[in-house]
Amino acid sequence: WTSEKCNRLYDYAASKPKNISNFFGYQVGEAIVHFCEYFVPDIKNCNV
C-alpha cells in the first residue's frame, strides 16, 4: 500500500455516490462543527 495506491483507492471510493455515507466528514461533520463552536467562542474569526 503505497501513497499512490491509497489515493487511487480513496478516489475510486469517493467517485461512487453509494459510498458517501462511509466517509467520516459526512457522518459526523455537523457534530464536529457544533463541538468546535461550543469550545471556541470566537470561531468565526479563526482559520480551520
ModelCIF file with pLDDT and N, C-alpha, C, O atoms, coordinates in Angstrom:
data_MODEL
#
_entry.id   MODEL 
#
_entity.id                         1 
_entity.type                       polymer 
_entity.pdbx_number_of_molecules   1 
#
_entity_poly.entity_id                      1 
_entity_poly.type                           'polypeptide(L)' 
_entity_poly.nstd_linkage                   no 
_entity_poly.nstd_monomer                   no 
_entity_poly.pdbx_seq_one_letter_code       WTSEKCNRLYDYAASKPKNISNFFGYQVGEAIVHFCEYFVPDIKNCNV 
_entity_poly.pdbx_seq_one_letter_code_can   WTSEKCNRLYDYAASKPKNISNFFGYQVGEAIVHFCEYFVPDIKNCNV 
_entity_poly.pdbx_strand_id                 A 
#
loop_
_entity_poly_seq.entity_id 
_entity_poly_seq.num 
_entity_poly_seq.mon_id 
_entity_poly_seq.hetero 
1 1  TRP n 
1 2  THR n 
1 3  SER n 
1 4  GLU n 
1 5  LYS n 
1 6  CYS n 
1 7  ASN n 
1 8  ARG n 
1 9  LEU n 
1 10 TYR n 
1 11 ASP n 
1 12 TYR n 
1 13 ALA n 
1 14 ALA n 
1 15 SER n 
1 16 LYS n 
1 17 PRO n 
1 18 LYS n 
1 19 ASN n 
1 20 ILE n 
1 21 SER n 
1 22 ASN n 
1 23 PHE n 
1 24 PHE n 
1 25 GLY n 
1 26 TYR n 
1 27 GLN n 
1 28 VAL n 
1 29 GLY n 
1 30 GLU n 
1 31 ALA n 
1 32 ILE n 
1 33 VAL n 
1 34 HIS n 
1 35 PHE n 
1 36 CYS n 
1 37 GLU n 
1 38 TYR n 
1 39 PHE n 
1 40 VAL n 
1 41 PRO n 
1 42 ASP n 
1 43 ILE n 
1 44 LYS n 
1 45 ASN n 
1 46 CYS n 
1 47 ASN n 
1 48 VAL n 
#
_struct_asym.id          A 
_struct_asym.entity_id   1 
#
loop_
_ma_qa_metric.id 
_ma_qa_metric.mode 
_ma_qa_metric.name 
_ma_qa_metric.software_group_id 
_ma_qa_metric.type 
1 global pLDDT . pLDDT 
2 local  pLDDT . pLDDT 
#
_ma_qa_metric_global.metric_id      1 
_ma_qa_metric_global.metric_value   81.79 
_ma_qa_metric_global.model_id       1 
_ma_qa_metric_global.ordinal_id     1 
#
loop_
_ma_qa_metric_local.label_asym_id 
_ma_qa_metric_local.label_comp_id 
_ma_qa_metric_local.label_seq_id 
_ma_qa_metric_local.metric_id 
_ma_qa_metric_local.metric_value 
_ma_qa_metric_local.model_id 
_ma_qa_metric_local.ordinal_id 
A TRP 1  2 83.00 1 1  
A THR 2  2 83.00 1 2  
A SER 3  2 79.00 1 3  
A GLU 4  2 81.00 1 4  
A LYS 5  2 83.00 1 5  
A CYS 6  2 79.00 1 6  
A ASN 7  2 76.00 1 7  
A ARG 8  2 80.00 1 8  
A LEU 9  2 78.00 1 9  
A TYR 10 2 74.00 1 10 
A ASP 11 2 75.00 1 11 
A TYR 12 2 76.00 1 12 
A ALA 13 2 73.00 1 13 
A ALA 14 2 70.00 1 14 
A SER 15 2 72.00 1 15 
A LYS 16 2 69.00 1 16 
A PRO 17 2 66.00 1 17 
A LYS 18 2 70.00 1 18 
A ASN 19 2 66.00 1 19 
A ILE 20 2 67.00 1 20 
A SER 21 2 72.00 1 21 
A ASN 22 2 71.00 1 22 
A PHE 23 2 71.00 1 23 
A PHE 24 2 70.00 1 24 
A GLY 25 2 76.00 1 25 
A TYR 26 2 73.00 1 26 
A GLN 27 2 76.00 1 27 
A VAL 28 2 84.00 1 28 
A GLY 29 2 85.00 1 29 
A GLU 30 2 89.00 1 30 
A ALA 31 2 91.00 1 31 
A ILE 32 2 91.00 1 32 
A VAL 33 2 92.00 1 33 
A HIS 34 2 92.00 1 34 
A PHE 35 2 93.00 1 35 
A CYS 36 2 92.00 1 36 
A GLU 37 2 92.00 1 37 
A TYR 38 2 92.00 1 38 
A PHE 39 2 94.00 1 39 
A VAL 40 2 93.00 1 40 
A PRO 41 2 88.00 1 41 
A ASP 42 2 91.00 1 42 
A ILE 43 2 92.00 1 43 
A LYS 44 2 90.00 1 44 
A ASN 45 2 92.00 1 45 
A CYS 46 2 93.00 1 46 
A ASN 47 2 95.00 1 47 
A VAL 48 2 96.00 1 48 
#
loop_
_atom_site.group_PDB 
_atom_site.id 
_atom_site.type_symbol 
_atom_site.label_atom_id 
_atom_site.label_alt_id 
_atom_site.label_comp_id 
_atom_site.label_asym_id 
_atom_site.label_entity_id 
_atom_site.label_seq_id 
_atom_site.pdbx_PDB_ins_code 
_atom_site.Cartn_x 
_atom_site.Cartn_y 
_atom_site.Cartn_z 
_atom_site.occupancy 
_atom_site.B_iso_or_equiv 
_atom_site.pdbx_formal_charge 
_atom_site.auth_seq_id 
_atom_site.auth_comp_id 
_atom_site.auth_asym_id 
_atom_site.auth_atom_id 
_atom_site.pdbx_PDB_model_num 
ATOM 1   N N  . TRP A 1 1  ? 0.825   -1.198 0.000  1.00 83.00 ? 1  TRP A N  1 
ATOM 2   C CA . TRP A 1 1  ? 0.000   0.000  0.000  1.00 83.00 ? 1  TRP A CA 1 
ATOM 3   C C  . TRP A 1 1  ? 0.862   1.253  0.000  1.00 83.00 ? 1  TRP A C  1 
ATOM 4   O O  . TRP A 1 1  ? 1.227   1.777  1.052  1.00 83.00 ? 1  TRP A O  1 
ATOM 5   N N  . THR A 1 2  ? 1.180   1.719  -1.199 1.00 83.00 ? 2  THR A N  1 
ATOM 6   C CA . THR A 1 2  ? 1.926   2.960  -1.359 1.00 83.00 ? 2  THR A CA 1 
ATOM 7   C C  . THR A 1 2  ? 0.947   4.133  -1.277 1.00 83.00 ? 2  THR A C  1 
ATOM 8   O O  . THR A 1 2  ? -0.267  3.936  -1.323 1.00 83.00 ? 2  THR A O  1 
ATOM 9   N N  . SER A 1 3  ? 1.474   5.340  -1.156 1.00 79.00 ? 3  SER A N  1 
ATOM 10  C CA . SER A 1 3  ? 0.615   6.531  -1.149 1.00 79.00 ? 3  SER A CA 1 
ATOM 11  C C  . SER A 1 3  ? -0.220  6.606  -2.420 1.00 79.00 ? 3  SER A C  1 
ATOM 12  O O  . SER A 1 3  ? -1.403  6.945  -2.375 1.00 79.00 ? 3  SER A O  1 
ATOM 13  N N  . GLU A 1 4  ? 0.394   6.292  -3.544 1.00 81.00 ? 4  GLU A N  1 
ATOM 14  C CA . GLU A 1 4  ? -0.329  6.335  -4.820 1.00 81.00 ? 4  GLU A CA 1 
ATOM 15  C C  . GLU A 1 4  ? -1.502  5.355  -4.832 1.00 81.00 ? 4  GLU A C  1 
ATOM 16  O O  . GLU A 1 4  ? -2.597  5.709  -5.268 1.00 81.00 ? 4  GLU A O  1 
ATOM 17  N N  . LYS A 1 5  ? -1.281  4.130  -4.358 1.00 83.00 ? 5  LYS A N  1 
ATOM 18  C CA . LYS A 1 5  ? -2.354  3.128  -4.344 1.00 83.00 ? 5  LYS A CA 1 
ATOM 19  C C  . LYS A 1 5  ? -3.466  3.518  -3.368 1.00 83.00 ? 5  LYS A C  1 
ATOM 20  O O  . LYS A 1 5  ? -4.645  3.323  -3.662 1.00 83.00 ? 5  LYS A O  1 
ATOM 21  N N  . CYS A 1 6  ? -3.097  4.060  -2.224 1.00 79.00 ? 6  CYS A N  1 
ATOM 22  C CA . CYS A 1 6  ? -4.112  4.515  -1.260 1.00 79.00 ? 6  CYS A CA 1 
ATOM 23  C C  . CYS A 1 6  ? -4.948  5.637  -1.867 1.00 79.00 ? 6  CYS A C  1 
ATOM 24  O O  . CYS A 1 6  ? -6.172  5.640  -1.735 1.00 79.00 ? 6  CYS A O  1 
ATOM 25  N N  . ASN A 1 7  ? -4.297  6.584  -2.530 1.00 76.00 ? 7  ASN A N  1 
ATOM 26  C CA . ASN A 1 7  ? -5.018  7.686  -3.162 1.00 76.00 ? 7  ASN A CA 1 
ATOM 27  C C  . ASN A 1 7  ? -5.961  7.183  -4.242 1.00 76.00 ? 7  ASN A C  1 
ATOM 28  O O  . ASN A 1 7  ? -7.091  7.659  -4.355 1.00 76.00 ? 7  ASN A O  1 
ATOM 29  N N  . ARG A 1 8  ? -5.502  6.223  -5.036 1.00 80.00 ? 8  ARG A N  1 
ATOM 30  C CA . ARG A 1 8  ? -6.374  5.656  -6.077 1.00 80.00 ? 8  ARG A CA 1 
ATOM 31  C C  . ARG A 1 8  ? -7.584  4.970  -5.470 1.00 80.00 ? 8  ARG A C  1 
ATOM 32  O O  . ARG A 1 8  ? -8.692  5.078  -5.996 1.00 80.00 ? 8  ARG A O  1 
ATOM 33  N N  . LEU A 1 9  ? -7.377  4.261  -4.356 1.00 78.00 ? 9  LEU A N  1 
ATOM 34  C CA . LEU A 1 9  ? -8.484  3.594  -3.679 1.00 78.00 ? 9  LEU A CA 1 
ATOM 35  C C  . LEU A 1 9  ? -9.509  4.617  -3.168 1.00 78.00 ? 9  LEU A C  1 
ATOM 36  O O  . LEU A 1 9  ? -10.711 4.463  -3.387 1.00 78.00 ? 9  LEU A O  1 
ATOM 37  N N  . TYR A 1 10 ? -9.020  5.664  -2.485 1.00 74.00 ? 10 TYR A N  1 
ATOM 38  C CA . TYR A 1 10 ? -9.931  6.686  -1.962 1.00 74.00 ? 10 TYR A CA 1 
ATOM 39  C C  . TYR A 1 10 ? -10.625 7.442  -3.086 1.00 74.00 ? 10 TYR A C  1 
ATOM 40  O O  . TYR A 1 10 ? -11.813 7.749  -2.982 1.00 74.00 ? 10 TYR A O  1 
ATOM 41  N N  . ASP A 1 11 ? -9.897  7.748  -4.163 1.00 75.00 ? 11 ASP A N  1 
ATOM 42  C CA . ASP A 1 11 ? -10.524 8.422  -5.299 1.00 75.00 ? 11 ASP A CA 1 
ATOM 43  C C  . ASP A 1 11 ? -11.627 7.564  -5.906 1.00 75.00 ? 11 ASP A C  1 
ATOM 44  O O  . ASP A 1 11 ? -12.693 8.061  -6.271 1.00 75.00 ? 11 ASP A O  1 
ATOM 45  N N  . TYR A 1 12 ? -11.351 6.271  -6.006 1.00 76.00 ? 12 TYR A N  1 
ATOM 46  C CA . TYR A 1 12 ? -12.360 5.360  -6.555 1.00 76.00 ? 12 TYR A CA 1 
ATOM 47  C C  . TYR A 1 12 ? -13.585 5.314  -5.641 1.00 76.00 ? 12 TYR A C  1 
ATOM 48  O O  . TYR A 1 12 ? -14.718 5.424  -6.109 1.00 76.00 ? 12 TYR A O  1 
ATOM 49  N N  . ALA A 1 13 ? -13.357 5.153  -4.349 1.00 73.00 ? 13 ALA A N  1 
ATOM 50  C CA . ALA A 1 13 ? -14.478 5.080  -3.399 1.00 73.00 ? 13 ALA A CA 1 
ATOM 51  C C  . ALA A 1 13 ? -15.284 6.378  -3.411 1.00 73.00 ? 13 ALA A C  1 
ATOM 52  O O  . ALA A 1 13 ? -16.513 6.355  -3.344 1.00 73.00 ? 13 ALA A O  1 
ATOM 53  N N  . ALA A 1 14 ? -14.583 7.505  -3.497 1.00 70.00 ? 14 ALA A N  1 
ATOM 54  C CA . ALA A 1 14 ? -15.262 8.795  -3.489 1.00 70.00 ? 14 ALA A CA 1 
ATOM 55  C C  . ALA A 1 14 ? -16.066 9.029  -4.761 1.00 70.00 ? 14 ALA A C  1 
ATOM 56  O O  . ALA A 1 14 ? -17.012 9.817  -4.758 1.00 70.00 ? 14 ALA A O  1 
ATOM 57  N N  . SER A 1 15 ? -15.705 8.361  -5.839 1.00 72.00 ? 15 SER A N  1 
ATOM 58  C CA . SER A 1 15 ? -16.417 8.552  -7.105 1.00 72.00 ? 15 SER A CA 1 
ATOM 59  C C  . SER A 1 15 ? -17.731 7.787  -7.173 1.00 72.00 ? 15 SER A C  1 
ATOM 60  O O  . SER A 1 15 ? -18.490 7.941  -8.129 1.00 72.00 ? 15 SER A O  1 
ATOM 61  N N  . LYS A 1 16 ? -18.002 6.971  -6.173 1.00 69.00 ? 16 LYS A N  1 
ATOM 62  C CA . LYS A 1 16 ? -19.230 6.170  -6.150 1.00 69.00 ? 16 LYS A CA 1 
ATOM 63  C C  . LYS A 1 16 ? -20.212 6.769  -5.148 1.00 69.00 ? 16 LYS A C  1 
ATOM 64  O O  . LYS A 1 16 ? -19.982 6.687  -3.942 1.00 69.00 ? 16 LYS A O  1 
ATOM 65  N N  . PRO A 1 17 ? -21.297 7.368  -5.623 1.00 66.00 ? 17 PRO A N  1 
ATOM 66  C CA . PRO A 1 17 ? -22.245 8.035  -4.727 1.00 66.00 ? 17 PRO A CA 1 
ATOM 67  C C  . PRO A 1 17 ? -22.753 7.156  -3.576 1.00 66.00 ? 17 PRO A C  1 
ATOM 68  O O  . PRO A 1 17 ? -23.055 7.667  -2.497 1.00 66.00 ? 17 PRO A O  1 
ATOM 69  N N  . LYS A 1 18 ? -22.848 5.866  -3.794 1.00 70.00 ? 18 LYS A N  1 
ATOM 70  C CA . LYS A 1 18 ? -23.359 4.991  -2.731 1.00 70.00 ? 18 LYS A CA 1 
ATOM 71  C C  . LYS A 1 18 ? -22.407 4.924  -1.538 1.00 70.00 ? 18 LYS A C  1 
ATOM 72  O O  . LYS A 1 18 ? -22.812 4.518  -0.449 1.00 70.00 ? 18 LYS A O  1 
ATOM 73  N N  . ASN A 1 19 ? -21.147 5.317  -1.731 1.00 66.00 ? 19 ASN A N  1 
ATOM 74  C CA . ASN A 1 19 ? -20.158 5.268  -0.653 1.00 66.00 ? 19 ASN A CA 1 
ATOM 75  C C  . ASN A 1 19 ? -20.116 6.520  0.208  1.00 66.00 ? 19 ASN A C  1 
ATOM 76  O O  . ASN A 1 19 ? -19.392 6.555  1.203  1.00 66.00 ? 19 ASN A O  1 
ATOM 77  N N  . ILE A 1 20 ? -20.867 7.535  -0.149 1.00 67.00 ? 20 ILE A N  1 
ATOM 78  C CA . ILE A 1 20 ? -20.774 8.818  0.548  1.00 67.00 ? 20 ILE A CA 1 
ATOM 79  C C  . ILE A 1 20 ? -20.997 8.683  2.057  1.00 67.00 ? 20 ILE A C  1 
ATOM 80  O O  . ILE A 1 20 ? -20.351 9.372  2.845  1.00 67.00 ? 20 ILE A O  1 
ATOM 81  N N  . SER A 1 21 ? -21.896 7.808  2.450  1.00 72.00 ? 21 SER A N  1 
ATOM 82  C CA . SER A 1 21 ? -22.203 7.678  3.877  1.00 72.00 ? 21 SER A CA 1 
ATOM 83  C C  . SER A 1 21 ? -21.097 6.980  4.661  1.00 72.00 ? 21 SER A C  1 
ATOM 84  O O  . SER A 1 21 ? -21.166 6.915  5.888  1.00 72.00 ? 21 SER A O  1 
ATOM 85  N N  . ASN A 1 22 ? -20.092 6.463  3.988  1.00 71.00 ? 22 ASN A N  1 
ATOM 86  C CA . ASN A 1 22 ? -18.974 5.812  4.668  1.00 71.00 ? 22 ASN A CA 1 
ATOM 87  C C  . ASN A 1 22 ? -17.893 6.792  5.104  1.00 71.00 ? 22 ASN A C  1 
ATOM 88  O O  . ASN A 1 22 ? -17.012 6.430  5.883  1.00 71.00 ? 22 ASN A O  1 
ATOM 89  N N  . PHE A 1 23 ? -17.946 8.021  4.616  1.00 71.00 ? 23 PHE A N  1 
ATOM 90  C CA . PHE A 1 23 ? -16.895 8.983  4.899  1.00 71.00 ? 23 PHE A CA 1 
ATOM 91  C C  . PHE A 1 23 ? -17.133 9.669  6.242  1.00 71.00 ? 23 PHE A C  1 
ATOM 92  O O  . PHE A 1 23 ? -18.252 10.055 6.581  1.00 71.00 ? 23 PHE A O  1 
ATOM 93  N N  . PHE A 1 24 ? -16.034 9.807  6.998  1.00 70.00 ? 24 PHE A N  1 
ATOM 94  C CA . PHE A 1 24 ? -16.075 10.367 8.344  1.00 70.00 ? 24 PHE A CA 1 
ATOM 95  C C  . PHE A 1 24 ? -16.726 11.753 8.376  1.00 70.00 ? 24 PHE A C  1 
ATOM 96  O O  . PHE A 1 24 ? -17.628 11.999 9.177  1.00 70.00 ? 24 PHE A O  1 
ATOM 97  N N  . GLY A 1 25 ? -16.273 12.645 7.515  1.00 76.00 ? 25 GLY A N  1 
ATOM 98  C CA . GLY A 1 25 ? -16.810 14.004 7.491  1.00 76.00 ? 25 GLY A CA 1 
ATOM 99  C C  . GLY A 1 25 ? -18.291 14.049 7.185  1.00 76.00 ? 25 GLY A C  1 
ATOM 100 O O  . GLY A 1 25 ? -19.005 14.917 7.685  1.00 76.00 ? 25 GLY A O  1 
ATOM 101 N N  . TYR A 1 26 ? -18.752 13.132 6.377  1.00 73.00 ? 26 TYR A N  1 
ATOM 102 C CA . TYR A 1 26 ? -20.178 13.056 6.053  1.00 73.00 ? 26 TYR A CA 1 
ATOM 103 C C  . TYR A 1 26 ? -20.971 12.592 7.266  1.00 73.00 ? 26 TYR A C  1 
ATOM 104 O O  . TYR A 1 26 ? -22.053 13.109 7.540  1.00 73.00 ? 26 TYR A O  1 
ATOM 105 N N  . GLN A 1 27 ? -20.436 11.620 7.990  1.00 76.00 ? 27 GLN A N  1 
ATOM 106 C CA . GLN A 1 27 ? -21.139 11.037 9.134  1.00 76.00 ? 27 GLN A CA 1 
ATOM 107 C C  . GLN A 1 27 ? -21.217 11.985 10.326 1.00 76.00 ? 27 GLN A C  1 
ATOM 108 O O  . GLN A 1 27 ? -22.268 12.101 10.956 1.00 76.00 ? 27 GLN A O  1 
ATOM 109 N N  . VAL A 1 28 ? -20.123 12.660 10.641 1.00 84.00 ? 28 VAL A N  1 
ATOM 110 C CA . VAL A 1 28 ? -20.077 13.433 11.888 1.00 84.00 ? 28 VAL A CA 1 
ATOM 111 C C  . VAL A 1 28 ? -19.692 14.899 11.687 1.00 84.00 ? 28 VAL A C  1 
ATOM 112 O O  . VAL A 1 28 ? -19.425 15.599 12.663 1.00 84.00 ? 28 VAL A O  1 
ATOM 113 N N  . GLY A 1 29 ? -19.660 15.370 10.456 1.00 85.00 ? 29 GLY A N  1 
ATOM 114 C CA . GLY A 1 29 ? -19.238 16.743 10.179 1.00 85.00 ? 29 GLY A CA 1 
ATOM 115 C C  . GLY A 1 29 ? -20.030 17.791 10.926 1.00 85.00 ? 29 GLY A C  1 
ATOM 116 O O  . GLY A 1 29 ? -19.449 18.712 11.500 1.00 85.00 ? 29 GLY A O  1 
ATOM 117 N N  . GLU A 1 30 ? -21.334 17.670 10.930 1.00 89.00 ? 30 GLU A N  1 
ATOM 118 C CA . GLU A 1 30 ? -22.173 18.650 11.612 1.00 89.00 ? 30 GLU A CA 1 
ATOM 119 C C  . GLU A 1 30 ? -21.878 18.672 13.116 1.00 89.00 ? 30 GLU A C  1 
ATOM 120 O O  . GLU A 1 30 ? -21.827 19.741 13.723 1.00 89.00 ? 30 GLU A O  1 
ATOM 121 N N  . ALA A 1 31 ? -21.687 17.498 13.710 1.00 91.00 ? 31 ALA A N  1 
ATOM 122 C CA . ALA A 1 31 ? -21.376 17.412 15.139 1.00 91.00 ? 31 ALA A CA 1 
ATOM 123 C C  . ALA A 1 31 ? -20.002 18.018 15.448 1.00 91.00 ? 31 ALA A C  1 
ATOM 124 O O  . ALA A 1 31 ? -19.824 18.651 16.489 1.00 91.00 ? 31 ALA A O  1 
ATOM 125 N N  . ILE A 1 32 ? -19.040 17.827 14.553 1.00 91.00 ? 32 ILE A N  1 
ATOM 126 C CA . ILE A 1 32 ? -17.711 18.409 14.763 1.00 91.00 ? 32 ILE A CA 1 
ATOM 127 C C  . ILE A 1 32 ? -17.793 19.936 14.764 1.00 91.00 ? 32 ILE A C  1 
ATOM 128 O O  . ILE A 1 32 ? -17.185 20.590 15.611 1.00 91.00 ? 32 ILE A O  1 
ATOM 129 N N  . VAL A 1 33 ? -18.533 20.495 13.831 1.00 92.00 ? 33 VAL A N  1 
ATOM 130 C CA . VAL A 1 33 ? -18.689 21.950 13.786 1.00 92.00 ? 33 VAL A CA 1 
ATOM 131 C C  . VAL A 1 33 ? -19.370 22.443 15.058 1.00 92.00 ? 33 VAL A C  1 
ATOM 132 O O  . VAL A 1 33 ? -18.950 23.444 15.639 1.00 92.00 ? 33 VAL A O  1 
ATOM 133 N N  . HIS A 1 34 ? -20.402 21.755 15.487 1.00 92.00 ? 34 HIS A N  1 
ATOM 134 C CA . HIS A 1 34 ? -21.102 22.134 16.723 1.00 92.00 ? 34 HIS A CA 1 
ATOM 135 C C  . HIS A 1 34 ? -20.144 22.080 17.910 1.00 92.00 ? 34 HIS A C  1 
ATOM 136 O O  . HIS A 1 34 ? -20.135 22.992 18.737 1.00 92.00 ? 34 HIS A O  1 
ATOM 137 N N  . PHE A 1 35 ? -19.348 21.038 18.003 1.00 93.00 ? 35 PHE A N  1 
ATOM 138 C CA . PHE A 1 35 ? -18.360 20.880 19.066 1.00 93.00 ? 35 PHE A CA 1 
ATOM 139 C C  . PHE A 1 35 ? -17.373 22.058 19.048 1.00 93.00 ? 35 PHE A C  1 
ATOM 140 O O  . PHE A 1 35 ? -17.073 22.644 20.088 1.00 93.00 ? 35 PHE A O  1 
ATOM 141 N N  . CYS A 1 36 ? -16.882 22.388 17.863 1.00 92.00 ? 36 CYS A N  1 
ATOM 142 C CA . CYS A 1 36 ? -15.930 23.498 17.732 1.00 92.00 ? 36 CYS A CA 1 
ATOM 143 C C  . CYS A 1 36 ? -16.563 24.830 18.130 1.00 92.00 ? 36 CYS A C  1 
ATOM 144 O O  . CYS A 1 36 ? -15.926 25.644 18.799 1.00 92.00 ? 36 CYS A O  1 
ATOM 145 N N  . GLU A 1 37 ? -17.804 25.053 17.725 1.00 92.00 ? 37 GLU A N  1 
ATOM 146 C CA . GLU A 1 37 ? -18.495 26.294 18.087 1.00 92.00 ? 37 GLU A CA 1 
ATOM 147 C C  . GLU A 1 37 ? -18.649 26.410 19.595 1.00 92.00 ? 37 GLU A C  1 
ATOM 148 O O  . GLU A 1 37 ? -18.559 27.506 20.149 1.00 92.00 ? 37 GLU A O  1 
ATOM 149 N N  . TYR A 1 38 ? -18.880 25.287 20.257 1.00 92.00 ? 38 TYR A N  1 
ATOM 150 C CA . TYR A 1 38 ? -19.073 25.280 21.706 1.00 92.00 ? 38 TYR A CA 1 
ATOM 151 C C  . TYR A 1 38 ? -17.771 25.621 22.445 1.00 92.00 ? 38 TYR A C  1 
ATOM 152 O O  . TYR A 1 38 ? -17.786 26.383 23.411 1.00 92.00 ? 38 TYR A O  1 
ATOM 153 N N  . PHE A 1 39 ? -16.654 25.057 21.990 1.00 94.00 ? 39 PHE A N  1 
ATOM 154 C CA . PHE A 1 39 ? -15.395 25.213 22.707 1.00 94.00 ? 39 PHE A CA 1 
ATOM 155 C C  . PHE A 1 39 ? -14.513 26.369 22.211 1.00 94.00 ? 39 PHE A C  1 
ATOM 156 O O  . PHE A 1 39 ? -13.560 26.749 22.891 1.00 94.00 ? 39 PHE A O  1 
ATOM 157 N N  . VAL A 1 40 ? -14.817 26.920 21.056 1.00 93.00 ? 40 VAL A N  1 
ATOM 158 C CA . VAL A 1 40 ? -14.038 28.045 20.521 1.00 93.00 ? 40 VAL A CA 1 
ATOM 159 C C  . VAL A 1 40 ? -15.001 29.225 20.393 1.00 93.00 ? 40 VAL A C  1 
ATOM 160 O O  . VAL A 1 40 ? -15.707 29.350 19.392 1.00 93.00 ? 40 VAL A O  1 
ATOM 161 N N  . PRO A 1 41 ? -15.027 30.085 21.405 1.00 88.00 ? 41 PRO A N  1 
ATOM 162 C CA . PRO A 1 41 ? -16.028 31.148 21.450 1.00 88.00 ? 41 PRO A CA 1 
ATOM 163 C C  . PRO A 1 41 ? -16.014 32.086 20.245 1.00 88.00 ? 41 PRO A C  1 
ATOM 164 O O  . PRO A 1 41 ? -17.071 32.569 19.840 1.00 88.00 ? 41 PRO A O  1 
ATOM 165 N N  . ASP A 1 42 ? -14.851 32.355 19.667 1.00 91.00 ? 42 ASP A N  1 
ATOM 166 C CA . ASP A 1 42 ? -14.747 33.299 18.567 1.00 91.00 ? 42 ASP A CA 1 
ATOM 167 C C  . ASP A 1 42 ? -14.379 32.581 17.268 1.00 91.00 ? 42 ASP A C  1 
ATOM 168 O O  . ASP A 1 42 ? -13.536 33.057 16.507 1.00 91.00 ? 42 ASP A O  1 
ATOM 169 N N  . ILE A 1 43 ? -15.008 31.445 17.021 1.00 92.00 ? 43 ILE A N  1 
ATOM 170 C CA . ILE A 1 43 ? -14.622 30.602 15.882 1.00 92.00 ? 43 ILE A CA 1 
ATOM 171 C C  . ILE A 1 43 ? -14.793 31.296 14.531 1.00 92.00 ? 43 ILE A C  1 
ATOM 172 O O  . ILE A 1 43 ? -14.105 30.945 13.572 1.00 92.00 ? 43 ILE A O  1 
ATOM 173 N N  . LYS A 1 44 ? -15.682 32.257 14.440 1.00 90.00 ? 44 LYS A N  1 
ATOM 174 C CA . LYS A 1 44 ? -15.893 32.954 13.163 1.00 90.00 ? 44 LYS A CA 1 
ATOM 175 C C  . LYS A 1 44 ? -14.662 33.758 12.757 1.00 90.00 ? 44 LYS A C  1 
ATOM 176 O O  . LYS A 1 44 ? -14.515 34.121 11.589 1.00 90.00 ? 44 LYS A O  1 
ATOM 177 N N  . ASN A 1 45 ? -13.774 34.039 13.717 1.00 92.00 ? 45 ASN A N  1 
ATOM 178 C CA . ASN A 1 45 ? -12.540 34.768 13.422 1.00 92.00 ? 45 ASN A CA 1 
ATOM 179 C C  . ASN A 1 45 ? -11.319 33.852 13.384 1.00 92.00 ? 45 ASN A C  1 
ATOM 180 O O  . ASN A 1 45 ? -10.183 34.325 13.375 1.00 92.00 ? 45 ASN A O  1 
ATOM 181 N N  . CYS A 1 46 ? -11.556 32.557 13.363 1.00 93.00 ? 46 CYS A N  1 
ATOM 182 C CA . CYS A 1 46 ? -10.471 31.578 13.294 1.00 93.00 ? 46 CYS A CA 1 
ATOM 183 C C  . CYS A 1 46 ? -10.312 31.075 11.867 1.00 93.00 ? 46 CYS A C  1 
ATOM 184 O O  . CYS A 1 46 ? -11.170 31.298 11.013 1.00 93.00 ? 46 CYS A O  1 
ATOM 185 N N  . ASN A 1 47 ? -9.209  30.401 11.631 1.00 95.00 ? 47 ASN A N  1 
ATOM 186 C CA . ASN A 1 47 ? -8.967  29.713 10.366 1.00 95.00 ? 47 ASN A CA 1 
ATOM 187 C C  . ASN A 1 47 ? -8.842  28.236 10.670 1.00 95.00 ? 47 ASN A C  1 
ATOM 188 O O  . ASN A 1 47 ? -7.928  27.823 11.384 1.00 95.00 ? 47 ASN A O  1 
ATOM 189 N N  . VAL A 1 48 ? -9.748  27.436 10.139 1.00 96.00 ? 48 VAL A N  1 
ATOM 190 C CA . VAL A 1 48 ? -9.789  25.996 10.378 1.00 96.00 ? 48 VAL A CA 1 
ATOM 191 C C  . VAL A 1 48 ? -9.093  25.283 9.226  1.00 96.00 ? 48 VAL A C  1 
ATOM 192 O O  . VAL A 1 48 ? -9.009  24.055 9.220  1.00 96.00 ? 48 VAL A O  1 
#
